[in-house]
Amino acid sequence: MERDLTAYDDALYQTRLDDLDKLAKIEKFEVRRMMAMKLGTPDSVSELLEGGKEI
């Protein structure tokens, strides 16, 4: 029984860690989008959002 709970806890922990990683990527993209909107020039928007850099 204890072994099953440990495996369950490990799986749940990994799932939550993956969720946090996804949220961090979403937040990084949102910050870039907001910065691009503040800068206002089409070139800066393209550079920040489509610059080919991995988030």
PDB file of N, CA and C in Angstrom:
ATOM      1  N   MET A   1       0.821  -1.185   0.000  1.00  0.00           N
ATOM      2  CA  MET A   1       0.000   0.000   0.000  1.00  0.00           C
ATOM      3  C   MET A   1       0.872   1.258   0.000  1.00  0.00           C
ATOM      4  N   GLU A   2       1.907   1.274   0.833  1.00  0.00           N
ATOM      5  CA  GLU A   2       2.776   2.451   0.898  1.00  0.00           C
ATOM      6  C   GLU A   2       3.490   2.683  -0.432  1.00  0.00           C
ATOM      7  N   ARG A   3       3.865   1.618  -1.086  1.00  0.00           N
ATOM      8  CA  ARG A   3       4.548   1.710  -2.363  1.00  0.00           C
ATOM      9  C   ARG A   3       3.637   2.338  -3.414  1.00  0.00           C
ATOM     10  N   ASP A   4       2.362   1.976  -3.421  1.00  0.00           N
ATOM     11  CA  ASP A   4       1.404   2.542  -4.365  1.00  0.00           C
ATOM     12  C   ASP A   4       1.215   4.036  -4.113  1.00  0.00           C
ATOM     13  N   LEU A   5       1.156   4.427  -2.855  1.00  0.00           N
ATOM     14  CA  LEU A   5       0.990   5.841  -2.534  1.00  0.00           C
ATOM     15  C   LEU A   5       2.222   6.647  -2.934  1.00  0.00           C
ATOM     16  N   THR A   6       3.388   6.065  -2.769  1.00  0.00           N
ATOM     17  CA  THR A   6       4.615   6.750  -3.171  1.00  0.00           C
ATOM     18  C   THR A   6       4.638   6.945  -4.685  1.00  0.00           C
ATOM     19  N   ALA A   7       4.277   5.924  -5.419  1.00  0.00           N
ATOM     20  CA  ALA A   7       4.220   6.036  -6.876  1.00  0.00           C
ATOM     21  C   ALA A   7       3.180   7.073  -7.294  1.00  0.00           C
ATOM     22  N   TYR A   8       2.042   7.083  -6.621  1.00  0.00           N
ATOM     23  CA  TYR A   8       0.997   8.061  -6.915  1.00  0.00           C
ATOM     24  C   TYR A   8       1.485   9.478  -6.620  1.00  0.00           C
ATOM     25  N   ASP A   9       2.146   9.667  -5.484  1.00  0.00           N
ATOM     26  CA  ASP A   9       2.686  10.979  -5.123  1.00  0.00           C
ATOM     27  C   ASP A   9       3.719  11.448  -6.152  1.00  0.00           C
ATOM     28  N   ASP A  10       4.578  10.541  -6.579  1.00  0.00           N
ATOM     29  CA  ASP A  10       5.590  10.900  -7.574  1.00  0.00           C
ATOM     30  C   ASP A  10       4.940  11.306  -8.896  1.00  0.00           C
ATOM     31  N   ALA A  11       3.928  10.566  -9.317  1.00  0.00           N
ATOM     32  CA  ALA A  11       3.229  10.886 -10.562  1.00  0.00           C
ATOM     33  C   ALA A  11       2.500  12.227 -10.451  1.00  0.00           C
ATOM     34  N   LEU A  12       1.865  12.457  -9.330  1.00  0.00           N
ATOM     35  CA  LEU A  12       1.158  13.715  -9.107  1.00  0.00           C
ATOM     36  C   LEU A  12       2.139  14.880  -9.079  1.00  0.00           C
ATOM     37  N   TYR A  13       3.266  14.710  -8.430  1.00  0.00           N
ATOM     38  CA  TYR A  13       4.291  15.745  -8.370  1.00  0.00           C
ATOM     39  C   TYR A  13       4.793  16.087  -9.774  1.00  0.00           C
ATOM     40  N   GLN A  14       5.047  15.073 -10.581  1.00  0.00           N
ATOM     41  CA  GLN A  14       5.547  15.289 -11.939  1.00  0.00           C
ATOM     42  C   GLN A  14       4.497  16.002 -12.794  1.00  0.00           C
ATOM     43  N   THR A  15       3.244  15.635 -12.610  1.00  0.00           N
ATOM     44  CA  THR A  15       2.164  16.292 -13.344  1.00  0.00           C
ATOM     45  C   THR A  15       2.084  17.762 -12.983  1.00  0.00           C
ATOM     46  N   ARG A  16       2.172  18.070 -11.720  1.00  0.00           N
ATOM     47  CA  ARG A  16       2.125  19.470 -11.269  1.00  0.00           C
ATOM     48  C   ARG A  16       3.340  20.251 -11.771  1.00  0.00           C
ATOM     49  N   LEU A  17       4.489  19.617 -11.799  1.00  0.00           N
ATOM     50  CA  LEU A  17       5.699  20.258 -12.308  1.00  0.00           C
ATOM     51  C   LEU A  17       5.541  20.578 -13.793  1.00  0.00           C
ATOM     52  N   ASP A  18       4.977  19.652 -14.547  1.00  0.00           N
ATOM     53  CA  ASP A  18       4.719  19.889 -15.969  1.00  0.00           C
ATOM     54  C   ASP A  18       3.731  21.034 -16.167  1.00  0.00           C
ATOM     55  N   ASP A  19       2.700  21.081 -15.325  1.00  0.00           N
ATOM     56  CA  ASP A  19       1.721  22.173 -15.406  1.00  0.00           C
ATOM     57  C   ASP A  19       2.380  23.518 -15.146  1.00  0.00           C
ATOM     58  N   LEU A  20       3.256  23.574 -14.161  1.00  0.00           N
ATOM     59  CA  LEU A  20       3.960  24.819 -13.853  1.00  0.00           C
ATOM     60  C   LEU A  20       4.864  25.248 -15.003  1.00  0.00           C
ATOM     61  N   ASP A  21       5.496  24.286 -15.650  1.00  0.00           N
ATOM     62  CA  ASP A  21       6.348  24.588 -16.793  1.00  0.00           C
ATOM     63  C   ASP A  21       5.518  25.185 -17.938  1.00  0.00           C
ATOM     64  N   LYS A  22       4.348  24.601 -18.195  1.00  0.00           N
ATOM     65  CA  LYS A  22       3.471  25.118 -19.242  1.00  0.00           C
ATOM     66  C   LYS A  22       2.995  26.525 -18.910  1.00  0.00           C
ATOM     67  N   LEU A  23       2.641  26.757 -17.654  1.00  0.00           N
ATOM     68  CA  LEU A  23       2.195  28.086 -17.248  1.00  0.00           C
ATOM     69  C   LEU A  23       3.317  29.116 -17.385  1.00  0.00           C
ATOM     70  N   ALA A  24       4.529  28.729 -17.080  1.00  0.00           N
ATOM     71  CA  ALA A  24       5.659  29.645 -17.215  1.00  0.00           C
ATOM     72  C   ALA A  24       5.852  30.039 -18.677  1.00  0.00           C
ATOM     73  N   LYS A  25       5.732  29.093 -19.593  1.00  0.00           N
ATOM     74  CA  LYS A  25       5.866  29.402 -21.019  1.00  0.00           C
ATOM     75  C   LYS A  25       4.757  30.334 -21.478  1.00  0.00           C
ATOM     76  N   ILE A  26       3.538  30.095 -21.009  1.00  0.00           N
ATOM     77  CA  ILE A  26       2.414  30.959 -21.370  1.00  0.00           C
ATOM     78  C   ILE A  26       2.646  32.371 -20.854  1.00  0.00           C
ATOM     79  N   GLU A  27       3.107  32.485 -19.619  1.00  0.00           N
ATOM     80  CA  GLU A  27       3.358  33.805 -19.035  1.00  0.00           C
ATOM     81  C   GLU A  27       4.472  34.539 -19.762  1.00  0.00           C
ATOM     82  N   LYS A  28       5.526  33.838 -20.151  1.00  0.00           N
ATOM     83  CA  LYS A  28       6.606  34.473 -20.899  1.00  0.00           C
ATOM     84  C   LYS A  28       6.094  35.021 -22.218  1.00  0.00           C
ATOM     85  N   PHE A  29       5.275  34.248 -22.906  1.00  0.00           N
ATOM     86  CA  PHE A  29       4.711  34.707 -24.180  1.00  0.00           C
ATOM     87  C   PHE A  29       3.817  35.914 -23.950  1.00  0.00           C
ATOM     88  N   GLU A  30       3.020  35.900 -22.907  1.00  0.00           N
ATOM     89  CA  GLU A  30       2.108  37.008 -22.613  1.00  0.00           C
ATOM     90  C   GLU A  30       2.892  38.280 -22.303  1.00  0.00           C
ATOM     91  N   VAL A  31       3.975  38.164 -21.557  1.00  0.00           N
ATOM     92  CA  VAL A  31       4.808  39.321 -21.257  1.00  0.00           C
ATOM     93  C   VAL A  31       5.416  39.879 -22.537  1.00  0.00           C
ATOM     94  N   ARG A  32       5.888  39.015 -23.400  1.00  0.00           N
ATOM     95  CA  ARG A  32       6.444  39.480 -24.679  1.00  0.00           C
ATOM     96  C   ARG A  32       5.385  40.186 -25.510  1.00  0.00           C
ATOM     97  N   ARG A  33       4.183  39.640 -25.517  1.00  0.00           N
ATOM     98  CA  ARG A  33       3.099  40.242 -26.284  1.00  0.00           C
ATOM     99  C   ARG A  33       2.758  41.629 -25.741  1.00  0.00           C
ATOM    100  N   MET A  34       2.693  41.739 -24.427  1.00  0.00           N
ATOM    101  CA  MET A  34       2.376  43.029 -23.808  1.00  0.00           C
ATOM    102  C   MET A  34       3.480  44.054 -24.079  1.00  0.00           C
ATOM    103  N   MET A  35       4.729  43.608 -24.025  1.00  0.00           N
ATOM    104  CA  MET A  35       5.835  44.516 -24.339  1.00  0.00           C
ATOM    105  C   MET A  35       5.765  44.984 -25.778  1.00  0.00           C
ATOM    106  N   ALA A  36       5.453  44.080 -26.676  1.00  0.00           N
ATOM    107  CA  ALA A  36       5.352  44.439 -28.089  1.00  0.00           C
ATOM    108  C   ALA A  36       4.231  45.453 -28.302  1.00  0.00           C
ATOM    109  N   MET A  37       3.134  45.293 -27.604  1.00  0.00           N
ATOM    110  CA  MET A  37       2.034  46.241 -27.728  1.00  0.00           C
ATOM    111  C   MET A  37       2.448  47.606 -27.185  1.00  0.00           C
ATOM    112  N   LYS A  38       3.213  47.638 -26.107  1.00  0.00           N
ATOM    113  CA  LYS A  38       3.674  48.910 -25.542  1.00  0.00           C
ATOM    114  C   LYS A  38       4.651  49.611 -26.479  1.00  0.00           C
ATOM    115  N   LEU A  39       5.547  48.840 -27.102  1.00  0.00           N
ATOM    116  CA  LEU A  39       6.535  49.443 -28.001  1.00  0.00           C
ATOM    117  C   LEU A  39       5.853  50.025 -29.240  1.00  0.00           C
ATOM    118  N   GLY A  40       4.858  49.332 -29.724  1.00  0.00           N
ATOM    119  CA  GLY A  40       3.998  49.876 -30.752  1.00  0.00           C
ATOM    120  C   GLY A  40       4.474  49.844 -32.185  1.00  0.00           C
ATOM    121  N   THR A  41       5.723  49.588 -32.471  1.00  0.00           N
ATOM    122  CA  THR A  41       6.155  49.575 -33.865  1.00  0.00           C
ATOM    123  C   THR A  41       6.016  48.170 -34.434  1.00  0.00           C
ATOM    124  N   PRO A  42       5.634  48.062 -35.695  1.00  0.00           N
ATOM    125  CA  PRO A  42       5.482  46.734 -36.301  1.00  0.00           C
ATOM    126  C   PRO A  42       6.773  45.912 -36.266  1.00  0.00           C
ATOM    127  N   ASP A  43       7.907  46.575 -36.442  1.00  0.00           N
ATOM    128  CA  ASP A  43       9.179  45.848 -36.420  1.00  0.00           C
ATOM    129  C   ASP A  43       9.460  45.250 -35.046  1.00  0.00           C
ATOM    130  N   SER A  44       9.184  46.006 -33.997  1.00  0.00           N
ATOM    131  CA  SER A  44       9.437  45.484 -32.657  1.00  0.00           C
ATOM    132  C   SER A  44       8.487  44.348 -32.312  1.00  0.00           C
ATOM    133  N   VAL A  45       7.244  44.458 -32.764  1.00  0.00           N
ATOM    134  CA  VAL A  45       6.278  43.385 -32.530  1.00  0.00           C
ATOM    135  C   VAL A  45       6.744  42.117 -33.229  1.00  0.00           C
ATOM    136  N   SER A  46       7.141  42.241 -34.479  1.00  0.00           N
ATOM    137  CA  SER A  46       7.615  41.074 -35.229  1.00  0.00           C
ATOM    138  C   SER A  46       8.857  40.471 -34.583  1.00  0.00           C
ATOM    139  N   GLU A  47       9.768  41.329 -34.161  1.00  0.00           N
ATOM    140  CA  GLU A  47      11.008  40.832 -33.567  1.00  0.00           C
ATOM    141  C   GLU A  47      10.748  40.070 -32.279  1.00  0.00           C
ATOM    142  N   LEU A  48       9.860  40.591 -31.442  1.00  0.00           N
ATOM    143  CA  LEU A  48       9.595  39.936 -30.164  1.00  0.00           C
ATOM    144  C   LEU A  48       8.745  38.684 -30.306  1.00  0.00           C
ATOM    145  N   LEU A  49       7.724  38.745 -31.162  1.00  0.00           N
ATOM    146  CA  LEU A  49       6.795  37.620 -31.240  1.00  0.00           C
ATOM    147  C   LEU A  49       7.210  36.556 -32.250  1.00  0.00           C
ATOM    148  N   GLU A  50       7.922  36.945 -33.285  1.00  0.00           N
ATOM    149  CA  GLU A  50       8.262  35.992 -34.342  1.00  0.00           C
ATOM    150  C   GLU A  50       9.761  35.893 -34.541  1.00  0.00           C
ATOM    151  N   GLY A  51      10.509  36.266 -33.533  1.00  0.00           N
ATOM    152  CA  GLY A  51      11.958  36.316 -33.646  1.00  0.00           C
ATOM    153  C   GLY A  51      12.634  34.980 -33.768  1.00  0.00           C
ATOM    154  N   GLY A  52      11.887  33.902 -33.644  1.00  0.00           N
ATOM    155  CA  GLY A  52      12.473  32.587 -33.769  1.00  0.00           C
ATOM    156  C   GLY A  52      13.186  32.109 -32.511  1.00  0.00           C
ATOM    157  N   LYS A  53      13.160  32.917 -31.467  1.00  0.00           N
ATOM    158  CA  LYS A  53      13.795  32.491 -30.220  1.00  0.00           C
ATOM    159  C   LYS A  53      12.819  31.646 -29.434  1.00  0.00           C
ATOM    160  N   GLU A  54      13.329  30.584 -28.888  1.00  0.00           N
ATOM    161  CA  GLU A  54      12.490  29.697 -28.092  1.00  0.00           C
ATOM    162  C   GLU A  54      12.207  30.352 -26.751  1.00  0.00           C
ATOM    163  N   ILE A  55      10.989  30.233 -26.309  1.00  0.00           N
ATOM    164  CA  ILE A  55      10.589  30.831 -25.035  1.00  0.00           C
ATOM    165  C   ILE A  55      11.141  30.002 -23.893  1.00  0.00           C
TER     166      ILE A  55
END
